[in-house]
């Protein structure tokens, strides 16, 4: 099934939707989903591929494209051509002008539209965002349709252009308690193709419920092309309580009554301290100083629990792997062994986001791209959808595809 990816970033959603990547064995519930495991060893599994193939990706961030292409070029010879760098608004305008921008015969569209204007960590301007789609501050006379807070409307435009059978949109949980924002977005998405899409009520998914070792919460929107749905599927998806056999939201795999949540201790298995590592992404971490316990990003992670939400905009204040005793550090055994205070490494953040270890986040400058360092690596990791969460969504849709649509 041909997948068109928007707001692709460095590809967390795309990796998850294609499958065939390596992740922690503890992140997959083999009792519920034995067919998800392609092969395994003591700590790791390679998950099975899905029916989806990314044929188009897009983002405005050149660092994200650099990392995406570096990873996907192993399986896609034309990875650099698949990833179209630029604003979604400009691409839609080019399409409206008659240029062939988007591939034909798209089955599914995915996209995590920008979340800064809806996040509780930001100013929460939402639809009134004063930031443009290019990241600049808008003037008073600038059209609001091109603000960062309205970019989901341009995702809707791409849905109208490509007419997929289904689309999946992702954003922060904070969107759901910002006035009636969720309901407005659901309504606006349903207007794609002149009202041709059935949008089921959005839900918040808690990443640890799906094996992700991180307390991340994200709202997911599903839209179905009414003309492509089977009659029974249209009827089922229109109900207030969607029958389980048609529910697009994946069932939980971890938590009470299931496998325990995946901990930081498990997520960091086989990682050595930065000075002993050969992995460039493990050798590098933020050197921002400790600023006191009351500020964001100044706490140390709890190794026996899930990790904190990996933030994109942290200005170097990413959480500490460990604090010193003077700053209240509680990893006593590590401190007793002389391990120093430090913040999370790039690789540790990537592990909490369930990226495979063969994903390179630190890259030297070449003629084709600028260097990827800790600053831009942290940012693109924090912006991503956890790969394992996306895989759960993709496999659930895959398992019900024939119920939804005629092939």
Protein backbone atom coordinates (compact mmCIF):
# COMPACT_ATOMS: atom_id res chain seq x y z
CA UNK A 1 0.00 0.00 0.00
CA UNK A 2 1.50 3.29 -1.14
CA UNK A 3 2.10 5.71 1.74
CA UNK A 4 2.51 9.47 1.45
CA UNK A 5 4.18 10.97 4.52
CA UNK A 6 3.78 14.64 5.52
CA UNK A 7 5.62 16.55 8.25
CA UNK A 8 7.88 13.52 8.07
CA UNK A 9 10.72 14.83 10.21
CA UNK A 10 13.44 12.24 10.58
CA UNK A 11 10.98 9.41 9.96
CA UNK A 12 9.77 7.89 13.23
CA UNK A 13 6.28 7.45 11.78
CA UNK A 14 7.67 6.15 8.48
CA UNK A 15 9.94 3.58 10.14
CA UNK A 16 7.03 2.34 12.22
CA UNK A 17 4.64 2.16 9.30
CA UNK A 18 7.07 0.16 7.16
CA UNK A 19 8.27 -2.15 9.94
CA UNK A 20 11.29 -4.41 9.47
CA UNK A 21 13.37 -2.54 12.07
CA UNK A 22 15.13 -3.60 15.25
CA UNK A 23 13.77 -2.65 18.66
CA UNK A 24 13.85 -3.81 22.26
CA UNK A 25 12.44 -7.29 22.77
CA UNK A 26 10.53 -5.93 25.77
CA UNK A 27 8.76 -3.40 23.56
CA UNK A 28 6.86 -6.13 21.72
CA UNK A 29 4.30 -8.33 23.46
CA UNK A 30 5.04 -11.67 21.82
CA UNK A 31 2.11 -13.35 23.56
CA UNK A 32 -0.36 -10.98 21.89
CA UNK A 33 1.48 -10.57 18.61
CA UNK A 34 3.83 -13.49 17.87
CA UNK A 35 3.47 -12.78 14.15
CA UNK A 36 5.08 -9.37 14.61
CA UNK A 37 8.50 -10.88 15.32
CA UNK A 38 10.73 -11.66 12.37
CA UNK A 39 13.70 -12.75 14.49
CA UNK A 40 14.96 -12.19 18.01
CA UNK A 41 17.78 -12.64 20.49
CA UNK A 42 18.19 -11.99 24.20
CA UNK A 43 17.41 -8.26 24.17
CA UNK A 44 16.28 -7.42 20.66
CA UNK A 45 13.71 -8.28 18.02
CA UNK A 46 13.39 -7.38 14.39
CA UNK A 47 9.74 -6.68 13.71
CA UNK A 48 8.03 -7.97 10.59
CA UNK A 49 7.52 -5.68 7.61
CA UNK A 50 4.06 -4.22 7.01
CA UNK A 51 2.01 -3.81 3.84
CA UNK A 52 2.98 -0.12 3.63
CA UNK A 53 5.72 1.49 1.55
CA UNK A 54 6.67 5.17 1.79
CA UNK A 55 6.71 6.64 -1.72
CA UNK A 56 6.74 10.33 -0.76
CA UNK A 57 8.00 12.19 2.32
CA UNK A 58 8.10 15.89 3.07
CA UNK A 59 9.37 18.30 5.69
CA UNK A 60 10.80 21.80 5.89
CA UNK A 61 13.77 20.83 8.08
CA UNK A 62 16.92 20.01 6.07
CA UNK A 63 18.51 18.24 9.06
CA UNK A 64 15.51 15.92 9.25
CA UNK A 65 15.85 15.10 5.57
CA UNK A 66 19.57 14.40 5.94
CA UNK A 67 18.93 11.88 8.71
CA UNK A 68 15.91 10.33 6.93
CA UNK A 69 17.77 9.80 3.66
CA UNK A 70 20.82 8.36 5.46
CA UNK A 71 18.60 5.72 7.09
CA UNK A 72 16.25 4.89 4.22
CA UNK A 73 18.88 4.83 1.45
CA UNK A 74 19.69 1.29 2.62
CA UNK A 75 16.33 0.10 1.29
CA UNK A 76 15.31 2.88 -1.11
CA UNK A 77 17.75 3.69 -3.88
CA UNK A 78 15.87 6.91 -4.62
CA UNK A 79 15.51 8.01 -0.98
CA UNK A 80 16.79 11.51 -1.76
CA UNK A 81 14.12 11.92 -4.47
CA UNK A 82 11.34 10.48 -2.31
CA UNK A 83 11.93 13.11 0.37
CA UNK A 84 10.75 16.51 -0.90
CA UNK A 85 12.23 19.36 1.15
CA UNK A 86 10.01 22.41 1.51
CA UNK A 87 6.83 23.83 2.98
CA UNK A 88 3.62 21.86 2.50
CA UNK A 89 1.91 25.14 1.60
CA UNK A 90 4.29 25.73 -1.28
CA UNK A 91 3.82 22.16 -2.49
CA UNK A 92 0.03 22.45 -2.47
CA UNK A 93 0.25 25.74 -4.37
CA UNK A 94 2.52 24.16 -6.97
CA UNK A 95 0.03 21.32 -7.36
CA UNK A 96 -2.84 23.79 -7.76
CA UNK A 97 -0.81 25.53 -10.49
CA UNK A 98 -0.66 22.31 -12.48
CA UNK A 99 2.70 20.88 -11.45
CA UNK A 100 2.86 17.18 -10.64
CA UNK A 101 3.99 17.20 -7.02
CA UNK A 102 2.38 14.24 -5.31
CA UNK A 103 2.51 10.64 -6.58
CA UNK A 104 -0.63 8.95 -7.89
CA UNK A 105 -2.48 5.95 -6.45
CA UNK A 106 -1.86 6.84 -2.80
CA UNK A 107 -3.48 4.45 -0.34
CA UNK A 108 -2.65 6.17 2.93
CA UNK A 109 -1.48 9.62 4.08
CA UNK A 110 0.25 10.12 7.43
CA UNK A 111 1.42 13.28 9.12
CA UNK A 112 2.30 14.76 12.49
CA UNK A 113 1.38 18.38 11.84
CA UNK A 114 3.35 20.95 13.92
CA UNK A 115 2.51 20.85 17.61
CA UNK A 116 4.27 23.89 19.10
CA UNK A 117 1.14 26.04 19.04
CA UNK A 118 -0.92 23.39 20.87
CA UNK A 119 1.64 22.12 23.39
CA UNK A 120 1.33 22.93 27.09
CA UNK A 121 5.09 23.58 26.96
CA UNK A 122 4.52 26.52 24.58
CA UNK A 123 2.39 29.66 24.44
CA UNK A 124 -0.69 27.66 23.32
CA UNK A 125 -1.75 30.12 20.63
CA UNK A 126 -3.31 27.31 18.61
CA UNK A 127 -5.13 28.62 15.54
CA UNK A 128 -3.98 32.15 16.45
CA UNK A 129 -0.33 31.28 15.98
CA UNK A 130 1.86 34.23 15.02
CA UNK A 131 4.46 31.94 13.44
CA UNK A 132 4.42 31.32 9.70
CA UNK A 133 4.71 27.95 7.97
CA UNK A 134 8.35 28.89 7.33
CA UNK A 135 9.05 29.53 11.02
CA UNK A 136 9.06 33.33 10.79
CA UNK A 137 7.05 35.77 12.90
CA UNK A 138 3.92 36.84 11.03
CA UNK A 139 2.97 40.44 10.43
CA UNK A 140 -0.44 41.75 11.44
CA UNK A 141 -1.75 41.52 7.88
CA UNK A 142 -0.48 38.00 7.20
CA UNK A 143 -3.13 35.44 6.19
CA UNK A 144 -3.89 33.17 9.15
CA UNK A 145 -4.38 30.22 6.80
CA UNK A 146 -0.62 30.08 6.39
CA UNK A 147 0.25 30.17 10.09
CA UNK A 148 1.91 27.21 11.76
CA UNK A 149 -1.25 26.57 13.78
CA UNK A 150 -3.31 25.98 10.62
CA UNK A 151 -0.97 23.63 8.78
CA UNK A 152 -3.31 20.71 9.38
CA UNK A 153 -5.60 22.43 6.84
CA UNK A 154 -2.88 22.03 4.24
CA UNK A 155 -2.56 18.38 5.16
CA UNK A 156 -6.29 18.20 4.47
CA UNK A 157 -5.63 19.79 1.06
CA UNK A 158 -3.12 17.05 0.26
CA UNK A 159 -5.74 14.46 1.25
CA UNK A 160 -8.17 16.13 -1.16
CA UNK A 161 -5.57 16.04 -3.92
CA UNK A 162 -4.39 12.45 -3.44
CA UNK A 163 -7.69 10.89 -2.21
CA UNK A 164 -6.19 8.11 -0.05
CA UNK A 165 -8.34 5.39 1.44
CA UNK A 166 -7.28 6.48 4.92
CA UNK A 167 -5.26 9.19 6.61
CA UNK A 168 -3.60 9.28 10.03
CA UNK A 169 -2.73 12.57 11.76
CA UNK A 170 -0.82 13.02 15.02
CA UNK A 171 -0.35 15.84 17.52
CA UNK A 172 0.25 16.60 21.20
CA UNK A 173 -2.24 15.74 23.95
CA UNK A 174 -2.47 19.44 24.83
CA UNK A 175 -4.57 19.98 21.72
CA UNK A 176 -7.45 18.10 23.34
CA UNK A 177 -7.88 20.54 26.23
CA UNK A 178 -7.41 23.75 24.26
CA UNK A 179 -11.02 24.96 24.00
CA UNK A 180 -12.81 23.07 21.18
CA UNK A 181 -9.67 22.66 19.05
CA UNK A 182 -9.99 18.87 18.69
CA UNK A 183 -13.58 19.08 17.48
CA UNK A 184 -12.74 21.85 15.00
CA UNK A 185 -9.87 19.82 13.54
CA UNK A 186 -12.06 16.72 13.30
CA UNK A 187 -14.71 18.72 11.43
CA UNK A 188 -12.17 20.38 9.14
CA UNK A 189 -10.55 17.06 8.27
CA UNK A 190 -13.97 15.58 7.47
CA UNK A 191 -14.43 18.30 4.82
CA UNK A 192 -11.61 16.87 2.66
CA UNK A 193 -12.87 16.06 -0.84
CA UNK A 194 -16.08 18.04 -0.22
CA UNK A 195 -17.04 16.08 2.86
CA UNK A 196 -15.89 12.76 1.53
CA UNK A 197 -14.10 11.59 4.69
CA UNK A 198 -15.43 9.97 7.83
CA UNK A 199 -13.30 11.12 10.77
CA UNK A 200 -13.69 9.01 13.88
CA UNK A 201 -13.39 10.75 17.28
CA UNK A 202 -9.74 11.38 18.04
CA UNK A 203 -8.13 9.62 21.00
CA UNK A 204 -5.01 10.16 23.09
CA UNK A 205 -2.57 7.25 23.08
CA UNK A 206 -0.14 6.79 25.99
CA UNK A 207 3.11 5.53 24.49
CA UNK A 208 4.08 3.19 27.39
CA UNK A 209 0.85 1.26 26.73
CA UNK A 210 2.51 0.14 23.48
CA UNK A 211 5.97 -0.77 24.73
CA UNK A 212 7.59 2.66 24.38
CA UNK A 213 9.82 3.46 27.40
CA UNK A 214 8.71 7.10 27.52
CA UNK A 215 5.78 8.93 29.12
CA UNK A 216 4.67 10.43 25.82
CA UNK A 217 1.00 11.14 25.08
CA UNK A 218 -0.21 11.92 21.58
CA UNK A 219 -3.63 12.49 20.03
CA UNK A 220 -4.32 10.48 16.86
CA UNK A 221 -6.88 11.33 14.16
CA UNK A 222 -8.14 8.76 11.65
CA UNK A 223 -10.04 9.66 8.49
CA UNK A 224 -11.59 7.17 6.05
CA UNK A 225 -12.56 7.77 2.44
CA UNK A 226 -16.30 7.12 2.46
CA UNK A 227 -16.38 6.07 -1.20
CA UNK A 228 -13.68 3.44 -0.61
CA UNK A 229 -15.14 1.91 2.55
CA UNK A 230 -17.18 -1.25 2.46
CA UNK A 231 -20.78 -0.68 3.48
CA UNK A 232 -20.39 -2.69 6.70
CA UNK A 233 -17.21 -0.76 7.59
CA UNK A 234 -18.87 2.62 7.00
CA UNK A 235 -21.72 1.60 9.28
CA UNK A 236 -19.38 0.28 12.00
CA UNK A 237 -17.06 3.31 11.94
CA UNK A 238 -20.03 5.68 12.20
CA UNK A 239 -21.16 4.22 15.54
CA UNK A 240 -20.53 6.01 18.84
CA UNK A 241 -18.87 2.80 20.06
CA UNK A 242 -16.87 1.30 17.20
CA UNK A 243 -16.83 -2.53 17.30
CA UNK A 244 -13.36 -3.88 18.16
CA UNK A 245 -13.00 -5.61 14.80
CA UNK A 246 -13.20 -2.20 13.09
CA UNK A 247 -11.55 0.03 15.71
CA UNK A 248 -8.57 1.84 14.12
CA UNK A 249 -6.96 2.45 17.52
CA UNK A 250 -4.56 -0.35 18.48
CA UNK A 251 -5.12 -2.44 21.58
CA UNK A 252 -2.73 -1.91 24.47
CA UNK A 253 0.18 -4.32 24.74
CA UNK A 254 1.72 -3.17 28.04
CA UNK A 255 0.47 -2.08 31.44
CA UNK A 256 -1.77 -3.56 34.15
CA UNK A 257 -2.80 -7.12 33.28
CA UNK A 258 -0.34 -7.18 30.36
CA UNK A 259 3.43 -6.97 30.11
CA UNK A 260 4.94 -4.39 32.48
CA UNK A 261 5.89 -1.02 31.02
CA UNK A 262 9.35 -0.94 29.45
CA UNK A 263 11.80 0.87 31.74
CA UNK A 264 14.77 3.13 31.08
CA UNK A 265 17.02 0.42 32.49
CA UNK A 266 15.76 -1.95 29.81
CA UNK A 267 15.91 0.75 27.11
CA UNK A 268 19.59 1.44 27.80
CA UNK A 269 20.71 -2.17 27.68
CA UNK A 270 24.20 -2.69 26.20
CA UNK A 271 24.95 1.06 26.18
CA UNK A 272 28.31 2.05 27.66
CA UNK A 273 29.25 5.43 29.07
CA UNK A 274 30.00 8.06 26.37
CA UNK A 275 33.78 8.02 26.85
CA UNK A 276 33.84 4.26 26.24
CA UNK A 277 31.40 4.13 23.31
CA UNK A 278 32.19 3.81 19.61
CA UNK A 279 28.73 5.09 18.62
CA UNK A 280 28.91 8.81 17.73
CA UNK A 281 25.32 9.25 18.93
CA UNK A 282 26.23 7.81 22.35
CA UNK A 283 29.45 9.79 22.69
CA UNK A 284 27.67 13.16 22.49
CA UNK A 285 25.41 14.82 25.06
CA UNK A 286 24.39 18.32 26.08
CA UNK A 287 26.82 20.13 28.38
CA UNK A 288 24.19 22.56 29.68
CA UNK A 289 24.78 23.18 33.38
CA UNK A 290 22.43 22.21 36.19
CA UNK A 291 20.09 25.15 36.88
CA UNK A 292 18.19 24.03 39.96
CA UNK A 293 15.36 21.59 40.66
CA UNK A 294 12.42 23.85 39.82
CA UNK A 295 13.20 24.34 36.13
CA UNK A 296 12.31 22.02 33.26
CA UNK A 297 14.90 19.46 32.30
CA UNK A 298 16.84 19.59 35.57
CA UNK A 299 15.78 16.20 36.98
CA UNK A 300 17.44 12.84 36.51
CA UNK A 301 15.60 9.95 34.93
CA UNK A 302 14.29 7.02 37.01
CA UNK A 303 15.92 3.87 35.69
CA UNK A 304 13.18 1.56 36.95
CA UNK A 305 10.42 3.56 35.26
CA UNK A 306 9.58 4.95 31.83
CA UNK A 307 11.55 7.98 30.73
CA UNK A 308 10.36 11.58 30.39
CA UNK A 309 8.86 12.91 27.18
CA UNK A 310 11.74 13.75 24.86
CA UNK A 311 11.28 17.40 23.97
CA UNK A 312 12.33 19.05 20.74
CA UNK A 313 12.73 22.57 22.12
CA UNK A 314 14.79 22.18 25.28
CA UNK A 315 17.69 24.61 24.61
CA UNK A 316 20.17 22.05 25.88
CA UNK A 317 18.22 21.33 29.05
CA UNK A 318 17.51 17.74 28.20
CA UNK A 319 16.96 15.62 31.33
CA UNK A 320 19.93 14.23 33.22
CA UNK A 321 21.00 10.62 32.93
CA UNK A 322 22.34 11.17 36.43
CA UNK A 323 22.83 14.07 38.82
CA UNK A 324 25.73 14.48 41.20
CA UNK A 325 25.22 13.81 44.90
CA UNK A 326 25.46 17.56 45.51
CA UNK A 327 22.51 18.14 43.17
CA UNK A 328 20.39 15.41 44.75
CA UNK A 329 21.32 12.48 42.50
CA UNK A 330 19.78 9.17 43.54
CA UNK A 331 21.71 6.69 41.38
CA UNK A 332 23.91 5.88 44.36
CA UNK A 333 25.67 2.82 42.93
CA UNK A 334 26.71 4.74 39.82
CA UNK A 335 27.93 7.71 41.85
CA UNK A 336 29.85 5.37 44.15
CA UNK A 337 31.59 3.98 41.06
CA UNK A 338 32.71 7.48 40.10
CA UNK A 339 30.35 8.03 37.17
CA UNK A 340 29.94 11.77 36.53
CA UNK A 341 26.86 13.95 36.35
CA UNK A 342 25.67 14.22 32.76
CA UNK A 343 22.57 14.70 30.63
CA UNK A 344 21.02 12.11 28.33
CA UNK A 345 23.02 11.33 25.22
CA UNK A 346 21.59 11.56 21.73
CA UNK A 347 21.43 7.75 21.52
CA UNK A 348 19.70 7.44 24.89
CA UNK A 349 17.02 9.86 23.68
CA UNK A 350 16.71 7.86 20.47
CA UNK A 351 16.32 4.65 22.51
CA UNK A 352 13.48 6.25 24.49
CA UNK A 353 11.88 7.09 21.13
CA UNK A 354 12.46 3.46 20.00
CA UNK A 355 14.64 4.35 17.01
CA UNK A 356 16.84 1.45 15.89
CA UNK A 357 20.53 1.69 16.74
CA UNK A 358 21.51 1.68 13.06
CA UNK A 359 19.86 5.09 12.69
CA UNK A 360 22.66 7.70 12.49
CA UNK A 361 21.92 11.02 14.19
CA UNK A 362 25.47 12.40 14.18
CA UNK A 363 26.85 12.92 10.68
CA UNK A 364 29.77 14.92 9.26
CA UNK A 365 29.30 17.75 6.81
CA UNK A 366 29.36 16.76 3.13
CA UNK A 367 28.68 18.46 -0.17
CA UNK A 368 25.10 17.19 0.03
CA UNK A 369 24.28 18.32 3.56
CA UNK A 370 25.43 20.21 6.64
CA UNK A 371 26.66 18.38 9.72
CA UNK A 372 24.27 16.76 12.17
CA UNK A 373 25.39 17.61 15.70
CA UNK A 374 23.86 17.14 19.14
CA UNK A 375 21.70 20.27 18.87
CA UNK A 376 19.88 19.35 15.66
CA UNK A 377 19.91 15.64 16.55
CA UNK A 378 18.06 16.23 19.82
CA UNK A 379 15.56 18.41 17.97
CA UNK A 380 14.64 15.96 15.25
CA UNK A 381 14.45 13.09 17.75
CA UNK A 382 12.12 15.09 20.00
CA UNK A 383 9.87 15.97 17.06
CA UNK A 384 9.45 12.35 16.02
CA UNK A 385 6.69 9.82 16.58
CA UNK A 386 8.09 6.81 18.49
CA UNK A 387 8.74 4.09 15.92
CA UNK A 388 7.16 1.33 18.02
CA UNK A 389 4.01 3.39 18.64
CA UNK A 390 3.68 3.99 14.89
CA UNK A 391 4.24 0.27 14.29
CA UNK A 392 1.34 -0.60 16.59
CA UNK A 393 -0.90 1.79 14.67
CA UNK A 394 0.24 0.46 11.31
CA UNK A 395 -0.16 -3.22 12.21
CA UNK A 396 -3.65 -2.61 13.56
CA UNK A 397 -4.70 -0.88 10.33
CA UNK A 398 -3.02 -3.63 8.31
CA UNK A 399 -4.93 -6.35 10.17
CA UNK A 400 -8.26 -4.67 9.34
CA UNK A 401 -7.51 -3.42 5.83
CA UNK A 402 -9.63 -6.08 4.14
CA UNK A 403 -12.52 -5.34 6.49
CA UNK A 404 -12.35 -1.65 5.60
CA UNK A 405 -11.76 -1.76 1.87
CA UNK A 406 -12.31 -3.87 -1.23
CA UNK A 407 -9.01 -4.78 -2.82
